[in-house]
Every structure is written in structure tokens, then in C-alpha cells.
Amino acid sequence: MVRRSKKANADQARKTEVRKLFVERIPPGGRIGNNLLKFYGWLERNYPELLPEEKGDPYERVKSDLEGLYTD
């Protein structure tokens, strides 16, 4: 059995929570690109600890985390 690192587990838990909040906050008909940006702003203000810590653009990472839950 291959063990995942603590960092990988923490990142998966973060991603799961971000996806859960997105689904709870944005109704199915509103899951479009514009609302994704609004959600990111809300997440940044209310749950900054859920923003990815890796280098690069955190918005793009959150967008990637939410893949399959929204349409452009």
C-alpha cells in the first residue's frame, strides 16, 4: 500500500472543502465563470486558509479544484 504524504492529504481535504462550499453556495444554474470569480472573492475573505499555498495563481488553482462543477 502506498501512503500519501501529509501534504497531499491536506491538499485533498482542502480541495474537498472548497468543492463542498462551492456547491452549497452557488445554485446549479449559477455555476458559471462569472460566479466562479465571485466565489473566489468570497472564499478569500471568509476562508483564506482554504486557498492553495503552492506557488502560482491561487485563483487558477481554485478554478482547477472546481473542475467539472461549473461551465465557462
PDB file of N, CA and C in Angstrom:
ATOM      1  N   MET A   1       0.841  -1.177   0.000  1.00  0.00           N
ATOM      2  CA  MET A   1       0.000   0.000   0.000  1.00  0.00           C
ATOM      3  C   MET A   1       0.886   1.240   0.000  1.00  0.00           C
ATOM      4  N   VAL A   2       0.581   2.179  -0.868  1.00  0.00           N
ATOM      5  CA  VAL A   2       1.346   3.412  -0.945  1.00  0.00           C
ATOM      6  C   VAL A   2       0.678   4.451  -0.056  1.00  0.00           C
ATOM      7  N   ARG A   3       1.460   5.048   0.809  1.00  0.00           N
ATOM      8  CA  ARG A   3       0.931   6.083   1.696  1.00  0.00           C
ATOM      9  C   ARG A   3       1.098   7.443   1.045  1.00  0.00           C
ATOM     10  N   ARG A   4       0.060   8.223   1.142  1.00  0.00           N
ATOM     11  CA  ARG A   4       0.148   9.591   0.645  1.00  0.00           C
ATOM     12  C   ARG A   4       0.801  10.452   1.714  1.00  0.00           C
ATOM     13  N   SER A   5       1.501  11.450   1.282  1.00  0.00           N
ATOM     14  CA  SER A   5       2.146  12.335   2.242  1.00  0.00           C
ATOM     15  C   SER A   5       1.093  13.161   2.980  1.00  0.00           C
ATOM     16  N   LYS A   6       1.471  13.680   4.125  1.00  0.00           N
ATOM     17  CA  LYS A   6       0.563  14.530   4.891  1.00  0.00           C
ATOM     18  C   LYS A   6       0.152  15.749   4.074  1.00  0.00           C
ATOM     19  N   LYS A   7       1.098  16.281   3.306  1.00  0.00           N
ATOM     20  CA  LYS A   7       0.794  17.449   2.485  1.00  0.00           C
ATOM     21  C   LYS A   7      -0.241  17.109   1.419  1.00  0.00           C
ATOM     22  N   ALA A   8      -0.103  15.962   0.781  1.00  0.00           N
ATOM     23  CA  ALA A   8      -1.063  15.545  -0.245  1.00  0.00           C
ATOM     24  C   ALA A   8      -2.440  15.319   0.372  1.00  0.00           C
ATOM     25  N   ASN A   9      -2.477  14.721   1.545  1.00  0.00           N
ATOM     26  CA  ASN A   9      -3.747  14.507   2.235  1.00  0.00           C
ATOM     27  C   ASN A   9      -4.393  15.830   2.615  1.00  0.00           C
ATOM     28  N   ALA A  10      -3.589  16.761   3.110  1.00  0.00           N
ATOM     29  CA  ALA A  10      -4.106  18.080   3.493  1.00  0.00           C
ATOM     30  C   ALA A  10      -4.636  18.815   2.268  1.00  0.00           C
ATOM     31  N   ASP A  11      -3.941  18.700   1.135  1.00  0.00           N
ATOM     32  CA  ASP A  11      -4.393  19.367  -0.078  1.00  0.00           C
ATOM     33  C   ASP A  11      -5.694  18.757  -0.571  1.00  0.00           C
ATOM     34  N   GLN A  12      -5.824  17.448  -0.477  1.00  0.00           N
ATOM     35  CA  GLN A  12      -7.074  16.799  -0.892  1.00  0.00           C
ATOM     36  C   GLN A  12      -8.228  17.226   0.013  1.00  0.00           C
ATOM     37  N   ALA A  13      -7.979  17.340   1.307  1.00  0.00           N
ATOM     38  CA  ALA A  13      -9.014  17.792   2.245  1.00  0.00           C
ATOM     39  C   ALA A  13      -9.412  19.236   1.937  1.00  0.00           C
ATOM     40  N   ARG A  14      -8.429  20.070   1.606  1.00  0.00           N
ATOM     41  CA  ARG A  14      -8.711  21.466   1.242  1.00  0.00           C
ATOM     42  C   ARG A  14      -9.585  21.514  -0.005  1.00  0.00           C
ATOM     43  N   LYS A  15      -9.210  20.752  -1.005  1.00  0.00           N
ATOM     44  CA  LYS A  15      -9.956  20.721  -2.264  1.00  0.00           C
ATOM     45  C   LYS A  15     -11.391  20.240  -2.031  1.00  0.00           C
ATOM     46  N   THR A  16     -11.556  19.210  -1.240  1.00  0.00           N
ATOM     47  CA  THR A  16     -12.886  18.684  -0.935  1.00  0.00           C
ATOM     48  C   THR A  16     -13.747  19.741  -0.265  1.00  0.00           C
ATOM     49  N   GLU A  17     -13.176  20.480   0.673  1.00  0.00           N
ATOM     50  CA  GLU A  17     -13.921  21.531   1.379  1.00  0.00           C
ATOM     51  C   GLU A  17     -14.282  22.672   0.435  1.00  0.00           C
ATOM     52  N   VAL A  18     -13.373  23.063  -0.449  1.00  0.00           N
ATOM     53  CA  VAL A  18     -13.648  24.131  -1.421  1.00  0.00           C
ATOM     54  C   VAL A  18     -14.806  23.702  -2.325  1.00  0.00           C
ATOM     55  N   ARG A  19     -14.781  22.481  -2.800  1.00  0.00           N
ATOM     56  CA  ARG A  19     -15.847  21.982  -3.672  1.00  0.00           C
ATOM     57  C   ARG A  19     -17.186  21.944  -2.933  1.00  0.00           C
ATOM     58  N   LYS A  20     -17.163  21.513  -1.681  1.00  0.00           N
ATOM     59  CA  LYS A  20     -18.380  21.463  -0.871  1.00  0.00           C
ATOM     60  C   LYS A  20     -18.964  22.860  -0.700  1.00  0.00           C
ATOM     61  N   LEU A  21     -18.136  23.830  -0.365  1.00  0.00           N
ATOM     62  CA  LEU A  21     -18.606  25.200  -0.185  1.00  0.00           C
ATOM     63  C   LEU A  21     -19.166  25.775  -1.478  1.00  0.00           C
ATOM     64  N   PHE A  22     -18.529  25.469  -2.602  1.00  0.00           N
ATOM     65  CA  PHE A  22     -18.994  25.970  -3.893  1.00  0.00           C
ATOM     66  C   PHE A  22     -20.388  25.424  -4.193  1.00  0.00           C
ATOM     67  N   VAL A  23     -20.582  24.130  -4.005  1.00  0.00           N
ATOM     68  CA  VAL A  23     -21.874  23.503  -4.279  1.00  0.00           C
ATOM     69  C   VAL A  23     -22.950  24.049  -3.337  1.00  0.00           C
ATOM     70  N   GLU A  24     -22.598  24.271  -2.077  1.00  0.00           N
ATOM     71  CA  GLU A  24     -23.554  24.812  -1.109  1.00  0.00           C
ATOM     72  C   GLU A  24     -23.921  26.261  -1.425  1.00  0.00           C
ATOM     73  N   ARG A  25     -22.958  27.020  -1.891  1.00  0.00           N
ATOM     74  CA  ARG A  25     -23.139  28.458  -2.058  1.00  0.00           C
ATOM     75  C   ARG A  25     -23.715  28.853  -3.415  1.00  0.00           C
ATOM     76  N   ILE A  26     -23.380  28.129  -4.453  1.00  0.00           N
ATOM     77  CA  ILE A  26     -23.778  28.504  -5.806  1.00  0.00           C
ATOM     78  C   ILE A  26     -24.797  27.488  -6.333  1.00  0.00           C
ATOM     79  N   PRO A  27     -26.018  27.936  -6.649  1.00  0.00           N
ATOM     80  CA  PRO A  27     -27.018  27.008  -7.171  1.00  0.00           C
ATOM     81  C   PRO A  27     -26.620  26.480  -8.547  1.00  0.00           C
ATOM     82  N   PRO A  28     -27.108  25.301  -8.927  1.00  0.00           N
ATOM     83  CA  PRO A  28     -26.698  24.686 -10.200  1.00  0.00           C
ATOM     84  C   PRO A  28     -26.792  25.616 -11.409  1.00  0.00           C
ATOM     85  N   GLY A  29     -27.849  26.400 -11.540  1.00  0.00           N
ATOM     86  CA  GLY A  29     -27.996  27.297 -12.681  1.00  0.00           C
ATOM     87  C   GLY A  29     -27.014  28.454 -12.688  1.00  0.00           C
ATOM     88  N   GLY A  30     -26.347  28.701 -11.566  1.00  0.00           N
ATOM     89  CA  GLY A  30     -25.416  29.820 -11.452  1.00  0.00           C
ATOM     90  C   GLY A  30     -23.955  29.416 -11.471  1.00  0.00           C
ATOM     91  N   ARG A  31     -23.684  28.174 -11.746  1.00  0.00           N
ATOM     92  CA  ARG A  31     -22.296  27.693 -11.711  1.00  0.00           C
ATOM     93  C   ARG A  31     -21.601  27.958 -13.039  1.00  0.00           C
ATOM     94  N   ILE A  32     -21.329  29.248 -13.238  1.00  0.00           N
ATOM     95  CA  ILE A  32     -20.682  29.716 -14.463  1.00  0.00           C
ATOM     96  C   ILE A  32     -19.431  30.504 -14.098  1.00  0.00           C
ATOM     97  N   GLY A  33     -18.630  30.834 -15.105  1.00  0.00           N
ATOM     98  CA  GLY A  33     -17.359  31.513 -14.889  1.00  0.00           C
ATOM     99  C   GLY A  33     -17.443  32.768 -14.042  1.00  0.00           C
ATOM    100  N   ASN A  34     -18.424  33.646 -14.299  1.00  0.00           N
ATOM    101  CA  ASN A  34     -18.544  34.883 -13.522  1.00  0.00           C
ATOM    102  C   ASN A  34     -18.744  34.607 -12.045  1.00  0.00           C
ATOM    103  N   ASN A  35     -19.596  33.646 -11.743  1.00  0.00           N
ATOM    104  CA  ASN A  35     -19.843  33.324 -10.340  1.00  0.00           C
ATOM    105  C   ASN A  35     -18.659  32.602  -9.706  1.00  0.00           C
ATOM    106  N   LEU A  36     -17.853  31.976 -10.509  1.00  0.00           N
ATOM    107  CA  LEU A  36     -16.631  31.362 -10.006  1.00  0.00           C
ATOM    108  C   LEU A  36     -15.709  32.445  -9.441  1.00  0.00           C
ATOM    109  N   LEU A  37     -15.600  33.554 -10.158  1.00  0.00           N
ATOM    110  CA  LEU A  37     -14.780  34.667  -9.686  1.00  0.00           C
ATOM    111  C   LEU A  37     -15.357  35.263  -8.400  1.00  0.00           C
ATOM    112  N   LYS A  38     -16.668  35.411  -8.345  1.00  0.00           N
ATOM    113  CA  LYS A  38     -17.315  35.911  -7.126  1.00  0.00           C
ATOM    114  C   LYS A  38     -17.089  34.954  -5.959  1.00  0.00           C
ATOM    115  N   PHE A  39     -17.198  33.655  -6.237  1.00  0.00           N
ATOM    116  CA  PHE A  39     -16.962  32.659  -5.193  1.00  0.00           C
ATOM    117  C   PHE A  39     -15.531  32.750  -4.678  1.00  0.00           C
ATOM    118  N   TYR A  40     -14.591  32.923  -5.586  1.00  0.00           N
ATOM    119  CA  TYR A  40     -13.192  33.038  -5.175  1.00  0.00           C
ATOM    120  C   TYR A  40     -13.005  34.228  -4.229  1.00  0.00           C
ATOM    121  N   GLY A  41     -13.613  35.369  -4.564  1.00  0.00           N
ATOM    122  CA  GLY A  41     -13.530  36.542  -3.688  1.00  0.00           C
ATOM    123  C   GLY A  41     -14.126  36.267  -2.318  1.00  0.00           C
ATOM    124  N   TRP A  42     -15.265  35.586  -2.300  1.00  0.00           N
ATOM    125  CA  TRP A  42     -15.907  35.224  -1.039  1.00  0.00           C
ATOM    126  C   TRP A  42     -15.005  34.284  -0.237  1.00  0.00           C
ATOM    127  N   LEU A  43     -14.443  33.300  -0.925  1.00  0.00           N
ATOM    128  CA  LEU A  43     -13.548  32.346  -0.270  1.00  0.00           C
ATOM    129  C   LEU A  43     -12.329  33.064   0.312  1.00  0.00           C
ATOM    130  N   GLU A  44     -11.771  33.981  -0.432  1.00  0.00           N
ATOM    131  CA  GLU A  44     -10.604  34.739   0.002  1.00  0.00           C
ATOM    132  C   GLU A  44     -10.902  35.548   1.269  1.00  0.00           C
ATOM    133  N   ARG A  45     -12.103  36.123   1.345  1.00  0.00           N
ATOM    134  CA  ARG A  45     -12.494  36.921   2.515  1.00  0.00           C
ATOM    135  C   ARG A  45     -12.868  36.059   3.719  1.00  0.00           C
ATOM    136  N   ASN A  46     -13.537  34.940   3.473  1.00  0.00           N
ATOM    137  CA  ASN A  46     -14.105  34.150   4.560  1.00  0.00           C
ATOM    138  C   ASN A  46     -13.322  32.909   4.963  1.00  0.00           C
ATOM    139  N   TYR A  47     -12.595  32.335   4.029  1.00  0.00           N
ATOM    140  CA  TYR A  47     -11.829  31.113   4.304  1.00  0.00           C
ATOM    141  C   TYR A  47     -10.447  31.179   3.643  1.00  0.00           C
ATOM    142  N   PRO A  48      -9.653  32.175   3.969  1.00  0.00           N
ATOM    143  CA  PRO A  48      -8.348  32.289   3.309  1.00  0.00           C
ATOM    144  C   PRO A  48      -7.454  31.071   3.535  1.00  0.00           C
ATOM    145  N   GLU A  49      -7.707  30.337   4.591  1.00  0.00           N
ATOM    146  CA  GLU A  49      -6.909  29.133   4.867  1.00  0.00           C
ATOM    147  C   GLU A  49      -7.171  28.034   3.832  1.00  0.00           C
ATOM    148  N   LEU A  50      -8.241  28.155   3.065  1.00  0.00           N
ATOM    149  CA  LEU A  50      -8.544  27.160   2.035  1.00  0.00           C
ATOM    150  C   LEU A  50      -7.926  27.496   0.680  1.00  0.00           C
ATOM    151  N   LEU A  51      -7.274  28.647   0.582  1.00  0.00           N
ATOM    152  CA  LEU A  51      -6.591  28.978  -0.665  1.00  0.00           C
ATOM    153  C   LEU A  51      -5.309  28.158  -0.742  1.00  0.00           C
ATOM    154  N   PRO A  52      -4.976  27.686  -1.928  1.00  0.00           N
ATOM    155  CA  PRO A  52      -3.773  26.852  -2.063  1.00  0.00           C
ATOM    156  C   PRO A  52      -2.504  27.622  -1.718  1.00  0.00           C
ATOM    157  N   GLU A  53      -1.555  26.914  -1.130  1.00  0.00           N
ATOM    158  CA  GLU A  53      -0.303  27.538  -0.705  1.00  0.00           C
ATOM    159  C   GLU A  53       0.811  27.412  -1.732  1.00  0.00           C
ATOM    160  N   GLU A  54       0.606  26.607  -2.763  1.00  0.00           N
ATOM    161  CA  GLU A  54       1.645  26.408  -3.763  1.00  0.00           C
ATOM    162  C   GLU A  54       1.907  27.702  -4.529  1.00  0.00           C
ATOM    163  N   LYS A  55       3.071  27.744  -5.170  1.00  0.00           N
ATOM    164  CA  LYS A  55       3.413  28.891  -6.000  1.00  0.00           C
ATOM    165  C   LYS A  55       2.433  28.966  -7.167  1.00  0.00           C
ATOM    166  N   GLY A  56       2.283  30.144  -7.696  1.00  0.00           N
ATOM    167  CA  GLY A  56       1.391  30.336  -8.829  1.00  0.00           C
ATOM    168  C   GLY A  56       0.152  31.105  -8.420  1.00  0.00           C
ATOM    169  N   ASP A  57      -0.771  31.193  -9.338  1.00  0.00           N
ATOM    170  CA  ASP A  57      -2.000  31.957  -9.158  1.00  0.00           C
ATOM    171  C   ASP A  57      -3.020  31.140  -8.364  1.00  0.00           C
ATOM    172  N   PRO A  58      -3.366  31.578  -7.139  1.00  0.00           N
ATOM    173  CA  PRO A  58      -4.308  30.804  -6.338  1.00  0.00           C
ATOM    174  C   PRO A  58      -5.699  30.728  -6.983  1.00  0.00           C
ATOM    175  N   TYR A  59      -6.104  31.763  -7.729  1.00  0.00           N
ATOM    176  CA  TYR A  59      -7.399  31.716  -8.411  1.00  0.00           C
ATOM    177  C   TYR A  59      -7.422  30.570  -9.425  1.00  0.00           C
ATOM    178  N   GLU A  60      -6.359  30.437 -10.194  1.00  0.00           N
ATOM    179  CA  GLU A  60      -6.300  29.367 -11.189  1.00  0.00           C
ATOM    180  C   GLU A  60      -6.323  27.996 -10.520  1.00  0.00           C
ATOM    181  N   ARG A  61      -5.708  27.888  -9.362  1.00  0.00           N
ATOM    182  CA  ARG A  61      -5.705  26.613  -8.636  1.00  0.00           C
ATOM    183  C   ARG A  61      -7.101  26.286  -8.122  1.00  0.00           C
ATOM    184  N   VAL A  62      -7.802  27.282  -7.572  1.00  0.00           N
ATOM    185  CA  VAL A  62      -9.170  27.054  -7.110  1.00  0.00           C
ATOM    186  C   VAL A  62     -10.060  26.696  -8.297  1.00  0.00           C
ATOM    187  N   LYS A  63      -9.852  27.381  -9.402  1.00  0.00           N
ATOM    188  CA  LYS A  63     -10.598  27.085 -10.625  1.00  0.00           C
ATOM    189  C   LYS A  63     -10.374  25.614 -11.023  1.00  0.00           C
ATOM    190  N   SER A  64      -9.148  25.176 -10.936  1.00  0.00           N
ATOM    191  CA  SER A  64      -8.824  23.782 -11.232  1.00  0.00           C
ATOM    192  C   SER A  64      -9.475  22.836 -10.214  1.00  0.00           C
ATOM    193  N   ASP A  65      -9.484  23.229  -8.946  1.00  0.00           N
ATOM    194  CA  ASP A  65     -10.118  22.419  -7.901  1.00  0.00           C
ATOM    195  C   ASP A  65     -11.598  22.190  -8.189  1.00  0.00           C
ATOM    196  N   LEU A  66     -12.227  23.177  -8.834  1.00  0.00           N
ATOM    197  CA  LEU A  66     -13.671  23.127  -9.075  1.00  0.00           C
ATOM    198  C   LEU A  66     -14.033  22.567 -10.450  1.00  0.00           C
ATOM    199  N   GLU A  67     -13.047  22.047 -11.138  1.00  0.00           N
ATOM    200  CA  GLU A  67     -13.284  21.500 -12.474  1.00  0.00           C
ATOM    201  C   GLU A  67     -14.422  20.493 -12.455  1.00  0.00           C
ATOM    202  N   GLY A  68     -15.330  20.641 -13.416  1.00  0.00           N
ATOM    203  CA  GLY A  68     -16.480  19.755 -13.515  1.00  0.00           C
ATOM    204  C   GLY A  68     -17.708  20.248 -12.784  1.00  0.00           C
ATOM    205  N   LEU A  69     -17.558  21.282 -11.960  1.00  0.00           N
ATOM    206  CA  LEU A  69     -18.694  21.822 -11.204  1.00  0.00           C
ATOM    207  C   LEU A  69     -19.272  23.098 -11.814  1.00  0.00           C
ATOM    208  N   TYR A  70     -18.625  23.652 -12.814  1.00  0.00           N
ATOM    209  CA  TYR A  70     -19.083  24.895 -13.420  1.00  0.00           C
ATOM    210  C   TYR A  70     -18.859  24.838 -14.931  1.00  0.00           C
ATOM    211  N   THR A  71     -19.509  25.758 -15.621  1.00  0.00           N
ATOM    212  CA  THR A  71     -19.289  25.892 -17.059  1.00  0.00           C
ATOM    213  C   THR A  71     -18.779  27.300 -17.341  1.00  0.00           C
ATOM    214  N   ASP A  72     -17.990  27.420 -18.408  1.00  0.00           N
ATOM    215  CA  ASP A  72     -17.447  28.738 -18.764  1.00  0.00           C
ATOM    216  C   ASP A  72     -18.468  29.602 -19.436  1.00  0.00           C
TER     217      ASP A  72
END
